[in-house]
């Protein structure tokens, strides 16, 4: 009777519950490793795995150690924040201006240009590591945080494509009305198209920020001194030495590293949700 009241057939009811079980399995599989990281961060024995989720003698020793080693963790956090914000703002500007050109302007190569950029970005970054290292070594630009940022600024073809598709949904009648009032391309871009695309801009900003915090391959190639390490390199240095398996400090640093992104997600959540939904509906 309950099934008939809900308008569901027995087969649909089974699929619904199977889907729920699968979702809960995925949730548990996602949360369990995080619980082990939290446990290790409070375990003063530097053991990464424990027989119980609650260590026998929990303490904040690992967290204290991070701030007592010459403040290196704060340096790594500062560097990652500089890199993340610089890349997010830089790629946002490059992607938005390029996407507007592909969406609103007419020029030679416009039709296939963005597809060519996407094809180039399909090749993984590690294929260019040798060339990047050789070029920077020849010019004496290794171990420079701003050079590392500059190298990564070019990888925004997907963002350009995503924004271009979003800009295409903005009615061109708005552009025509603005032109009648004497507006140029820059005014149309800045005052009409860009405000309407704010949710998608926030999505690109946030995911670029996440990607910069987790990037390791280029950072390990370009950055060589501890004062220029990002969080990825700094955390790896805690466990990479033969006698330096500081798993507790590594876990504590991993948790603290996630705080800036968690705060950013909380502040931008409303725009991220609307941007993702708008992209799925309008795209």
C-alpha atoms as a PDB file:
ATOM      1  CA  UNK A   1       0.000   0.000   0.000  1.00  0.00           C
ATOM      2  CA  UNK A   2       2.819   2.397   0.890  1.00  0.00           C
ATOM      3  CA  UNK A   3       4.451   1.789  -2.478  1.00  0.00           C
ATOM      4  CA  UNK A   4       1.202   2.546  -4.324  1.00  0.00           C
ATOM      5  CA  UNK A   5       0.666   5.707  -2.278  1.00  0.00           C
ATOM      6  CA  UNK A   6       4.100   6.973  -3.290  1.00  0.00           C
ATOM      7  CA  UNK A   7       3.485   6.032  -6.898  1.00  0.00           C
ATOM      8  CA  UNK A   8       6.484   3.680  -7.007  1.00  0.00           C
ATOM      9  CA  UNK A   9       6.656   0.230  -8.512  1.00  0.00           C
ATOM     10  CA  UNK A  10       8.463  -2.561  -6.593  1.00  0.00           C
ATOM     11  CA  UNK A  11      11.393  -2.463  -9.010  1.00  0.00           C
ATOM     12  CA  UNK A  12      11.859   1.276  -8.538  1.00  0.00           C
ATOM     13  CA  UNK A  13      11.762   0.850  -4.771  1.00  0.00           C
ATOM     14  CA  UNK A  14      14.562  -1.750  -4.956  1.00  0.00           C
ATOM     15  CA  UNK A  15      16.693   0.484  -7.168  1.00  0.00           C
ATOM     16  CA  UNK A  16      16.179   3.363  -4.724  1.00  0.00           C
ATOM     17  CA  UNK A  17      17.426   1.357  -1.750  1.00  0.00           C
ATOM     18  CA  UNK A  18      20.344  -0.159  -3.653  1.00  0.00           C
ATOM     19  CA  UNK A  19      21.358   3.365  -4.644  1.00  0.00           C
ATOM     20  CA  UNK A  20      21.192   4.472  -1.018  1.00  0.00           C
ATOM     21  CA  UNK A  21      23.346   1.569   0.128  1.00  0.00           C
ATOM     22  CA  UNK A  22      25.959   2.343  -2.540  1.00  0.00           C
ATOM     23  CA  UNK A  23      25.984   6.016  -1.533  1.00  0.00           C
ATOM     24  CA  UNK A  24      26.545   5.129   2.120  1.00  0.00           C
ATOM     25  CA  UNK A  25      29.350   2.729   1.211  1.00  0.00           C
ATOM     26  CA  UNK A  26      31.039   5.521  -0.755  1.00  0.00           C
ATOM     27  CA  UNK A  27      30.568   7.959   2.150  1.00  0.00           C
ATOM     28  CA  UNK A  28      32.114   5.518   4.639  1.00  0.00           C
ATOM     29  CA  UNK A  29      35.000   4.748   2.267  1.00  0.00           C
ATOM     30  CA  UNK A  30      35.642   8.498   1.974  1.00  0.00           C
ATOM     31  CA  UNK A  31      35.378   9.347   5.665  1.00  0.00           C
ATOM     32  CA  UNK A  32      37.353   6.395   7.085  1.00  0.00           C
ATOM     33  CA  UNK A  33      40.778   7.497   5.739  1.00  0.00           C
ATOM     34  CA  UNK A  34      40.081  10.996   7.048  1.00  0.00           C
ATOM     35  CA  UNK A  35      39.424   9.564  10.488  1.00  0.00           C
ATOM     36  CA  UNK A  36      42.786   7.781  10.418  1.00  0.00           C
ATOM     37  CA  UNK A  37      44.495  11.068   9.501  1.00  0.00           C
ATOM     38  CA  UNK A  38      42.808  12.833  12.424  1.00  0.00           C
ATOM     39  CA  UNK A  39      43.809   9.967  14.745  1.00  0.00           C
ATOM     40  CA  UNK A  40      47.439  10.068  13.578  1.00  0.00           C
ATOM     41  CA  UNK A  41      47.600  13.824  14.127  1.00  0.00           C
ATOM     42  CA  UNK A  42      46.831  13.336  17.847  1.00  0.00           C
ATOM     43  CA  UNK A  43      49.079  10.289  18.227  1.00  0.00           C
ATOM     44  CA  UNK A  44      52.411  11.317  19.857  1.00  0.00           C
ATOM     45  CA  UNK A  45      54.100   8.042  18.839  1.00  0.00           C
ATOM     46  CA  UNK A  46      54.385   9.185  15.170  1.00  0.00           C
ATOM     47  CA  UNK A  47      52.507   6.071  14.063  1.00  0.00           C
ATOM     48  CA  UNK A  48      50.226   6.592  11.082  1.00  0.00           C
ATOM     49  CA  UNK A  49      48.025   3.566  11.787  1.00  0.00           C
ATOM     50  CA  UNK A  50      46.629   2.604  15.166  1.00  0.00           C
ATOM     51  CA  UNK A  51      44.634  -0.322  16.477  1.00  0.00           C
ATOM     52  CA  UNK A  52      41.852   2.088  17.469  1.00  0.00           C
ATOM     53  CA  UNK A  53      40.478   5.315  16.094  1.00  0.00           C
ATOM     54  CA  UNK A  54      41.202   7.013  19.422  1.00  0.00           C
ATOM     55  CA  UNK A  55      44.927   6.933  20.368  1.00  0.00           C
ATOM     56  CA  UNK A  56      45.724   5.755  23.937  1.00  0.00           C
ATOM     57  CA  UNK A  57      47.343   9.070  24.946  1.00  0.00           C
ATOM     58  CA  UNK A  58      46.124  11.811  22.574  1.00  0.00           C
ATOM     59  CA  UNK A  59      47.986  15.103  22.632  1.00  0.00           C
ATOM     60  CA  UNK A  60      48.669  18.231  20.587  1.00  0.00           C
ATOM     61  CA  UNK A  61      52.406  17.446  20.392  1.00  0.00           C
ATOM     62  CA  UNK A  62      52.373  17.043  16.608  1.00  0.00           C
ATOM     63  CA  UNK A  63      50.631  20.368  16.137  1.00  0.00           C
ATOM     64  CA  UNK A  64      53.056  22.090  18.485  1.00  0.00           C
ATOM     65  CA  UNK A  65      56.017  20.563  16.658  1.00  0.00           C
ATOM     66  CA  UNK A  66      54.872  22.114  13.367  1.00  0.00           C
ATOM     67  CA  UNK A  67      55.159  25.618  14.808  1.00  0.00           C
ATOM     68  CA  UNK A  68      58.360  24.959  16.765  1.00  0.00           C
ATOM     69  CA  UNK A  69      60.528  23.991  13.764  1.00  0.00           C
ATOM     70  CA  UNK A  70      61.484  27.526  12.817  1.00  0.00           C
ATOM     71  CA  UNK A  71      57.965  28.267  11.591  1.00  0.00           C
ATOM     72  CA  UNK A  72      58.488  26.281   8.396  1.00  0.00           C
ATOM     73  CA  UNK A  73      54.866  25.204   8.231  1.00  0.00           C
ATOM     74  CA  UNK A  74      53.706  28.830   8.265  1.00  0.00           C
ATOM     75  CA  UNK A  75      56.178  29.589   5.468  1.00  0.00           C
ATOM     76  CA  UNK A  76      54.790  26.711   3.383  1.00  0.00           C
ATOM     77  CA  UNK A  77      51.229  27.848   4.087  1.00  0.00           C
ATOM     78  CA  UNK A  78      52.103  31.421   3.099  1.00  0.00           C
ATOM     79  CA  UNK A  79      53.734  30.255  -0.130  1.00  0.00           C
ATOM     80  CA  UNK A  80      50.766  28.055  -1.054  1.00  0.00           C
ATOM     81  CA  UNK A  81      48.368  30.904  -0.306  1.00  0.00           C
ATOM     82  CA  UNK A  82      50.361  33.302  -2.505  1.00  0.00           C
ATOM     83  CA  UNK A  83      50.529  30.733  -5.313  1.00  0.00           C
ATOM     84  CA  UNK A  84      46.857  29.765  -4.984  1.00  0.00           C
ATOM     85  CA  UNK A  85      45.453  33.290  -4.930  1.00  0.00           C
ATOM     86  CA  UNK A  86      47.795  34.506  -7.689  1.00  0.00           C
ATOM     87  CA  UNK A  87      46.888  31.573  -9.945  1.00  0.00           C
ATOM     88  CA  UNK A  88      43.165  31.858  -9.203  1.00  0.00           C
ATOM     89  CA  UNK A  89      43.050  35.589  -9.961  1.00  0.00           C
ATOM     90  CA  UNK A  90      45.432  35.336 -12.918  1.00  0.00           C
ATOM     91  CA  UNK A  91      43.688  32.416 -14.575  1.00  0.00           C
ATOM     92  CA  UNK A  92      40.320  34.028 -13.917  1.00  0.00           C
ATOM     93  CA  UNK A  93      41.400  37.176 -15.766  1.00  0.00           C
ATOM     94  CA  UNK A  94      43.016  35.268 -18.644  1.00  0.00           C
ATOM     95  CA  UNK A  95      40.123  32.824 -18.952  1.00  0.00           C
ATOM     96  CA  UNK A  96      37.413  35.498 -18.787  1.00  0.00           C
ATOM     97  CA  UNK A  97      38.985  37.808 -21.364  1.00  0.00           C
ATOM     98  CA  UNK A  98      39.822  34.939 -23.732  1.00  0.00           C
ATOM     99  CA  UNK A  99      36.359  33.402 -23.320  1.00  0.00           C
ATOM    100  CA  UNK A 100      34.718  36.745 -24.103  1.00  0.00           C
ATOM    101  CA  UNK A 101      36.804  37.045 -27.264  1.00  0.00           C
ATOM    102  CA  UNK A 102      35.838  33.550 -28.410  1.00  0.00           C
ATOM    103  CA  UNK A 103      32.179  34.178 -27.548  1.00  0.00           C
ATOM    104  CA  UNK A 104      31.598  37.713 -28.820  1.00  0.00           C
ATOM    105  CA  UNK A 105      34.302  38.613 -31.333  1.00  0.00           C
ATOM    106  CA  UNK A 106      34.972  37.419 -34.875  1.00  0.00           C
ATOM    107  CA  UNK A 107      38.584  36.714 -35.872  1.00  0.00           C
ATOM    108  CA  UNK A 108      40.630  34.251 -37.908  1.00  0.00           C
ATOM    109  CA  UNK A 109      40.990  30.877 -36.169  1.00  0.00           C
ATOM    110  CA  UNK A 110      38.155  31.518 -33.735  1.00  0.00           C
ATOM    111  CA  UNK A 111      36.219  28.364 -34.667  1.00  0.00           C
ATOM    112  CA  UNK A 112      39.050  25.877 -34.141  1.00  0.00           C
ATOM    113  CA  UNK A 113      41.307  27.864 -31.826  1.00  0.00           C
ATOM    114  CA  UNK A 114      39.688  26.844 -28.559  1.00  0.00           C
ATOM    115  CA  UNK A 115      39.571  23.184 -29.625  1.00  0.00           C
ATOM    116  CA  UNK A 116      43.287  23.356 -30.407  1.00  0.00           C
ATOM    117  CA  UNK A 117      43.935  24.721 -26.903  1.00  0.00           C
ATOM    118  CA  UNK A 118      41.893  21.907 -25.360  1.00  0.00           C
ATOM    119  CA  UNK A 119      43.811  19.278 -27.329  1.00  0.00           C
ATOM    120  CA  UNK A 120      47.120  20.733 -26.137  1.00  0.00           C
ATOM    121  CA  UNK A 121      45.952  20.634 -22.516  1.00  0.00           C
ATOM    122  CA  UNK A 122      45.016  16.951 -22.789  1.00  0.00           C
ATOM    123  CA  UNK A 123      48.714  16.081 -22.620  1.00  0.00           C
ATOM    124  CA  UNK A 124      49.763  15.605 -18.973  1.00  0.00           C
ATOM    125  CA  UNK A 125      52.095  18.126 -17.384  1.00  0.00           C
ATOM    126  CA  UNK A 126      54.860  15.632 -16.681  1.00  0.00           C
ATOM    127  CA  UNK A 127      55.563  15.369 -20.437  1.00  0.00           C
ATOM    128  CA  UNK A 128      56.844  18.957 -20.384  1.00  0.00           C
ATOM    129  CA  UNK A 129      58.813  18.735 -17.134  1.00  0.00           C
ATOM    130  CA  UNK A 130      62.171  18.137 -18.821  1.00  0.00           C
ATOM    131  CA  UNK A 131      61.710  21.056 -21.232  1.00  0.00           C
ATOM    132  CA  UNK A 132      60.560  23.410 -18.462  1.00  0.00           C
ATOM    133  CA  UNK A 133      63.448  22.425 -16.204  1.00  0.00           C
ATOM    134  CA  UNK A 134      66.020  22.840 -18.977  1.00  0.00           C
ATOM    135  CA  UNK A 135      64.692  26.255 -20.027  1.00  0.00           C
ATOM    136  CA  UNK A 136      64.508  27.610 -16.483  1.00  0.00           C
ATOM    137  CA  UNK A 137      67.957  26.225 -15.630  1.00  0.00           C
ATOM    138  CA  UNK A 138      69.463  27.899 -18.703  1.00  0.00           C
ATOM    139  CA  UNK A 139      67.957  31.238 -17.734  1.00  0.00           C
ATOM    140  CA  UNK A 140      68.754  30.897 -14.024  1.00  0.00           C
ATOM    141  CA  UNK A 141      65.095  31.009 -13.005  1.00  0.00           C
ATOM    142  CA  UNK A 142      64.881  27.884 -10.871  1.00  0.00           C
ATOM    143  CA  UNK A 143      63.798  28.094  -7.229  1.00  0.00           C
ATOM    144  CA  UNK A 144      61.666  31.191  -7.781  1.00  0.00           C
ATOM    145  CA  UNK A 145      58.095  31.247  -6.484  1.00  0.00           C
ATOM    146  CA  UNK A 146      56.898  33.812  -9.046  1.00  0.00           C
ATOM    147  CA  UNK A 147      58.388  31.867 -11.928  1.00  0.00           C
ATOM    148  CA  UNK A 148      56.531  28.805 -10.650  1.00  0.00           C
ATOM    149  CA  UNK A 149      53.304  30.831 -10.708  1.00  0.00           C
ATOM    150  CA  UNK A 150      54.028  32.120 -14.217  1.00  0.00           C
ATOM    151  CA  UNK A 151      54.620  28.601 -15.565  1.00  0.00           C
ATOM    152  CA  UNK A 152      51.214  27.466 -14.298  1.00  0.00           C
ATOM    153  CA  UNK A 153      49.276  30.457 -15.607  1.00  0.00           C
ATOM    154  CA  UNK A 154      49.164  28.977 -19.092  1.00  0.00           C
ATOM    155  CA  UNK A 155      47.092  25.930 -18.183  1.00  0.00           C
ATOM    156  CA  UNK A 156      43.588  27.433 -18.439  1.00  0.00           C
ATOM    157  CA  UNK A 157      42.207  26.115 -21.753  1.00  0.00           C
ATOM    158  CA  UNK A 158      39.425  24.178 -20.037  1.00  0.00           C
ATOM    159  CA  UNK A 159      38.414  27.251 -18.044  1.00  0.00           C
ATOM    160  CA  UNK A 160      38.291  29.283 -21.258  1.00  0.00           C
ATOM    161  CA  UNK A 161      36.061  26.687 -22.884  1.00  0.00           C
ATOM    162  CA  UNK A 162      33.806  26.493 -19.816  1.00  0.00           C
ATOM    163  CA  UNK A 163      33.383  30.260 -19.589  1.00  0.00           C
ATOM    164  CA  UNK A 164      32.918  30.596 -23.337  1.00  0.00           C
ATOM    165  CA  UNK A 165      29.976  28.174 -23.203  1.00  0.00           C
ATOM    166  CA  UNK A 166      28.526  30.163 -20.305  1.00  0.00           C
ATOM    167  CA  UNK A 167      29.005  33.521 -22.066  1.00  0.00           C
ATOM    168  CA  UNK A 168      27.188  32.097 -25.095  1.00  0.00           C
ATOM    169  CA  UNK A 169      24.048  31.798 -22.957  1.00  0.00           C
ATOM    170  CA  UNK A 170      24.044  35.523 -22.125  1.00  0.00           C
ATOM    171  CA  UNK A 171      21.511  37.141 -24.510  1.00  0.00           C
ATOM    172  CA  UNK A 172      23.199  39.143 -27.240  1.00  0.00           C
ATOM    173  CA  UNK A 173      20.316  41.609 -27.087  1.00  0.00           C
ATOM    174  CA  UNK A 174      21.995  43.005 -23.973  1.00  0.00           C
ATOM    175  CA  UNK A 175      25.158  43.650 -25.999  1.00  0.00           C
ATOM    176  CA  UNK A 176      23.168  45.340 -28.752  1.00  0.00           C
ATOM    177  CA  UNK A 177      21.369  47.579 -26.270  1.00  0.00           C
ATOM    178  CA  UNK A 178      24.702  48.538 -24.696  1.00  0.00           C
ATOM    179  CA  UNK A 179      26.191  49.324 -28.117  1.00  0.00           C
ATOM    180  CA  UNK A 180      23.237  51.608 -28.828  1.00  0.00           C
ATOM    181  CA  UNK A 181      24.140  53.479 -25.644  1.00  0.00           C
ATOM    182  CA  UNK A 182      27.719  53.878 -26.854  1.00  0.00           C
ATOM    183  CA  UNK A 183      29.375  51.037 -24.925  1.00  0.00           C
ATOM    184  CA  UNK A 184      32.467  49.276 -26.267  1.00  0.00           C
ATOM    185  CA  UNK A 185      33.651  45.710 -25.847  1.00  0.00           C
ATOM    186  CA  UNK A 186      35.374  46.404 -22.532  1.00  0.00           C
ATOM    187  CA  UNK A 187      32.276  48.028 -21.004  1.00  0.00           C
ATOM    188  CA  UNK A 188      30.058  45.199 -22.251  1.00  0.00           C
ATOM    189  CA  UNK A 189      32.493  42.641 -20.817  1.00  0.00           C
ATOM    190  CA  UNK A 190      32.987  44.363 -17.471  1.00  0.00           C
ATOM    191  CA  UNK A 191      29.487  45.706 -16.746  1.00  0.00           C
ATOM    192  CA  UNK A 192      27.154  43.215 -18.453  1.00  0.00           C
ATOM    193  CA  UNK A 193      28.670  39.812 -19.242  1.00  0.00           C
ATOM    194  CA  UNK A 194      30.974  39.435 -16.254  1.00  0.00           C
ATOM    195  CA  UNK A 195      28.391  40.174 -13.502  1.00  0.00           C
ATOM    196  CA  UNK A 196      25.968  37.682 -15.052  1.00  0.00           C
ATOM    197  CA  UNK A 197      28.690  35.009 -15.028  1.00  0.00           C
ATOM    198  CA  UNK A 198      29.637  35.549 -11.379  1.00  0.00           C
ATOM    199  CA  UNK A 199      28.661  32.026 -10.184  1.00  0.00           C
ATOM    200  CA  UNK A 200      30.789  30.366 -12.875  1.00  0.00           C
ATOM    201  CA  UNK A 201      33.682  32.718 -12.085  1.00  0.00           C
ATOM    202  CA  UNK A 202      33.523  31.652  -8.443  1.00  0.00           C
ATOM    203  CA  UNK A 203      33.553  27.974  -9.472  1.00  0.00           C
ATOM    204  CA  UNK A 204      36.673  28.498 -11.604  1.00  0.00           C
ATOM    205  CA  UNK A 205      38.341  30.536  -8.844  1.00  0.00           C
ATOM    206  CA  UNK A 206      37.710  27.871  -6.205  1.00  0.00           C
ATOM    207  CA  UNK A 207      38.746  24.861  -8.284  1.00  0.00           C
ATOM    208  CA  UNK A 208      41.892  26.661  -9.436  1.00  0.00           C
ATOM    209  CA  UNK A 209      42.681  27.344  -5.780  1.00  0.00           C
ATOM    210  CA  UNK A 210      42.217  23.661  -4.916  1.00  0.00           C
ATOM    211  CA  UNK A 211      44.382  22.567  -7.834  1.00  0.00           C
ATOM    212  CA  UNK A 212      47.209  24.883  -6.827  1.00  0.00           C
ATOM    213  CA  UNK A 213      47.236  23.564  -3.249  1.00  0.00           C
ATOM    214  CA  UNK A 214      47.477  19.950  -4.455  1.00  0.00           C
ATOM    215  CA  UNK A 215      49.994  20.499  -7.305  1.00  0.00           C
ATOM    216  CA  UNK A 216      53.303  18.717  -6.674  1.00  0.00           C
ATOM    217  CA  UNK A 217      55.094  17.748  -9.902  1.00  0.00           C
ATOM    218  CA  UNK A 218      55.968  21.246 -11.140  1.00  0.00           C
ATOM    219  CA  UNK A 219      56.653  22.457  -7.602  1.00  0.00           C
ATOM    220  CA  UNK A 220      59.140  19.626  -7.040  1.00  0.00           C
ATOM    221  CA  UNK A 221      60.886  20.519 -10.304  1.00  0.00           C
ATOM    222  CA  UNK A 222      61.116  24.291  -9.935  1.00  0.00           C
ATOM    223  CA  UNK A 223      61.242  24.939  -6.180  1.00  0.00           C
ATOM    224  CA  UNK A 224      64.364  23.646  -4.451  1.00  0.00           C
ATOM    225  CA  UNK A 225      64.834  25.485  -1.151  1.00  0.00           C
ATOM    226  CA  UNK A 226      62.692  24.966   1.944  1.00  0.00           C
ATOM    227  CA  UNK A 227      61.895  28.691   2.120  1.00  0.00           C
ATOM    228  CA  UNK A 228      60.108  28.411  -1.240  1.00  0.00           C
ATOM    229  CA  UNK A 229      58.326  25.126  -0.604  1.00  0.00           C
ATOM    230  CA  UNK A 230      54.582  24.925  -1.041  1.00  0.00           C
ATOM    231  CA  UNK A 231      52.500  22.783   1.294  1.00  0.00           C
ATOM    232  CA  UNK A 232      52.779  19.732  -0.961  1.00  0.00           C
ATOM    233  CA  UNK A 233      56.566  19.824  -0.969  1.00  0.00           C
ATOM    234  CA  UNK A 234      56.758  20.729   2.704  1.00  0.00           C
ATOM    235  CA  UNK A 235      54.534  17.870   3.786  1.00  0.00           C
ATOM    236  CA  UNK A 236      56.499  15.416   1.665  1.00  0.00           C
ATOM    237  CA  UNK A 237      59.735  16.575   3.301  1.00  0.00           C
ATOM    238  CA  UNK A 238      58.351  15.478   6.674  1.00  0.00           C
ATOM    239  CA  UNK A 239      58.238  11.825   5.600  1.00  0.00           C
ATOM    240  CA  UNK A 240      60.758  11.573   2.752  1.00  0.00           C
ATOM    241  CA  UNK A 241      63.949  11.282   4.797  1.00  0.00           C
ATOM    242  CA  UNK A 242      65.393   7.889   5.659  1.00  0.00           C
ATOM    243  CA  UNK A 243      65.072   8.578   9.390  1.00  0.00           C
ATOM    244  CA  UNK A 244      62.422  11.298   9.216  1.00  0.00           C
ATOM    245  CA  UNK A 245      59.118   9.465   9.175  1.00  0.00           C
ATOM    246  CA  UNK A 246      57.161  12.134  11.020  1.00  0.00           C
ATOM    247  CA  UNK A 247      53.739  10.691  10.272  1.00  0.00           C
ATOM    248  CA  UNK A 248      52.062  12.442  13.176  1.00  0.00           C
ATOM    249  CA  UNK A 249      53.319  15.855  12.083  1.00  0.00           C
ATOM    250  CA  UNK A 250      52.443  14.985   8.502  1.00  0.00           C
ATOM    251  CA  UNK A 251      48.855  14.209   9.516  1.00  0.00           C
ATOM    252  CA  UNK A 252      48.591  17.363  11.626  1.00  0.00           C
ATOM    253  CA  UNK A 253      49.931  19.471   8.750  1.00  0.00           C
ATOM    254  CA  UNK A 254      47.484  17.825   6.334  1.00  0.00           C
ATOM    255  CA  UNK A 255      44.543  18.778   8.555  1.00  0.00           C
ATOM    256  CA  UNK A 256      45.741  22.354   9.005  1.00  0.00           C
ATOM    257  CA  UNK A 257      46.358  22.610   5.258  1.00  0.00           C
ATOM    258  CA  UNK A 258      42.729  21.769   4.576  1.00  0.00           C
ATOM    259  CA  UNK A 259      41.442  24.597   6.777  1.00  0.00           C
ATOM    260  CA  UNK A 260      41.967  27.471   4.271  1.00  0.00           C
ATOM    261  CA  UNK A 261      40.134  25.554   1.535  1.00  0.00           C
ATOM    262  CA  UNK A 262      37.352  24.598   3.945  1.00  0.00           C
ATOM    263  CA  UNK A 263      36.900  28.232   4.956  1.00  0.00           C
ATOM    264  CA  UNK A 264      36.954  29.333   1.311  1.00  0.00           C
ATOM    265  CA  UNK A 265      34.353  26.715   0.431  1.00  0.00           C
ATOM    266  CA  UNK A 266      32.125  27.849   3.277  1.00  0.00           C
ATOM    267  CA  UNK A 267      32.315  31.477   2.147  1.00  0.00           C
ATOM    268  CA  UNK A 268      31.792  30.707  -1.547  1.00  0.00           C
ATOM    269  CA  UNK A 269      29.399  27.782  -1.204  1.00  0.00           C
ATOM    270  CA  UNK A 270      26.321  29.688  -2.386  1.00  0.00           C
ATOM    271  CA  UNK A 271      27.989  30.826  -5.609  1.00  0.00           C
ATOM    272  CA  UNK A 272      29.684  27.468  -6.206  1.00  0.00           C
ATOM    273  CA  UNK A 273      26.366  25.616  -5.988  1.00  0.00           C
ATOM    274  CA  UNK A 274      24.566  28.054  -8.295  1.00  0.00           C
ATOM    275  CA  UNK A 275      27.492  28.065 -10.730  1.00  0.00           C
ATOM    276  CA  UNK A 276      27.592  24.280 -11.015  1.00  0.00           C
ATOM    277  CA  UNK A 277      23.810  24.078 -11.448  1.00  0.00           C
ATOM    278  CA  UNK A 278      23.803  26.891 -14.010  1.00  0.00           C
ATOM    279  CA  UNK A 279      26.598  25.201 -15.928  1.00  0.00           C
ATOM    280  CA  UNK A 280      24.717  21.921 -16.074  1.00  0.00           C
ATOM    281  CA  UNK A 281      21.454  23.561 -17.155  1.00  0.00           C
ATOM    282  CA  UNK A 282      22.690  26.259 -19.529  1.00  0.00           C
ATOM    283  CA  UNK A 283      25.664  24.390 -20.975  1.00  0.00           C
END
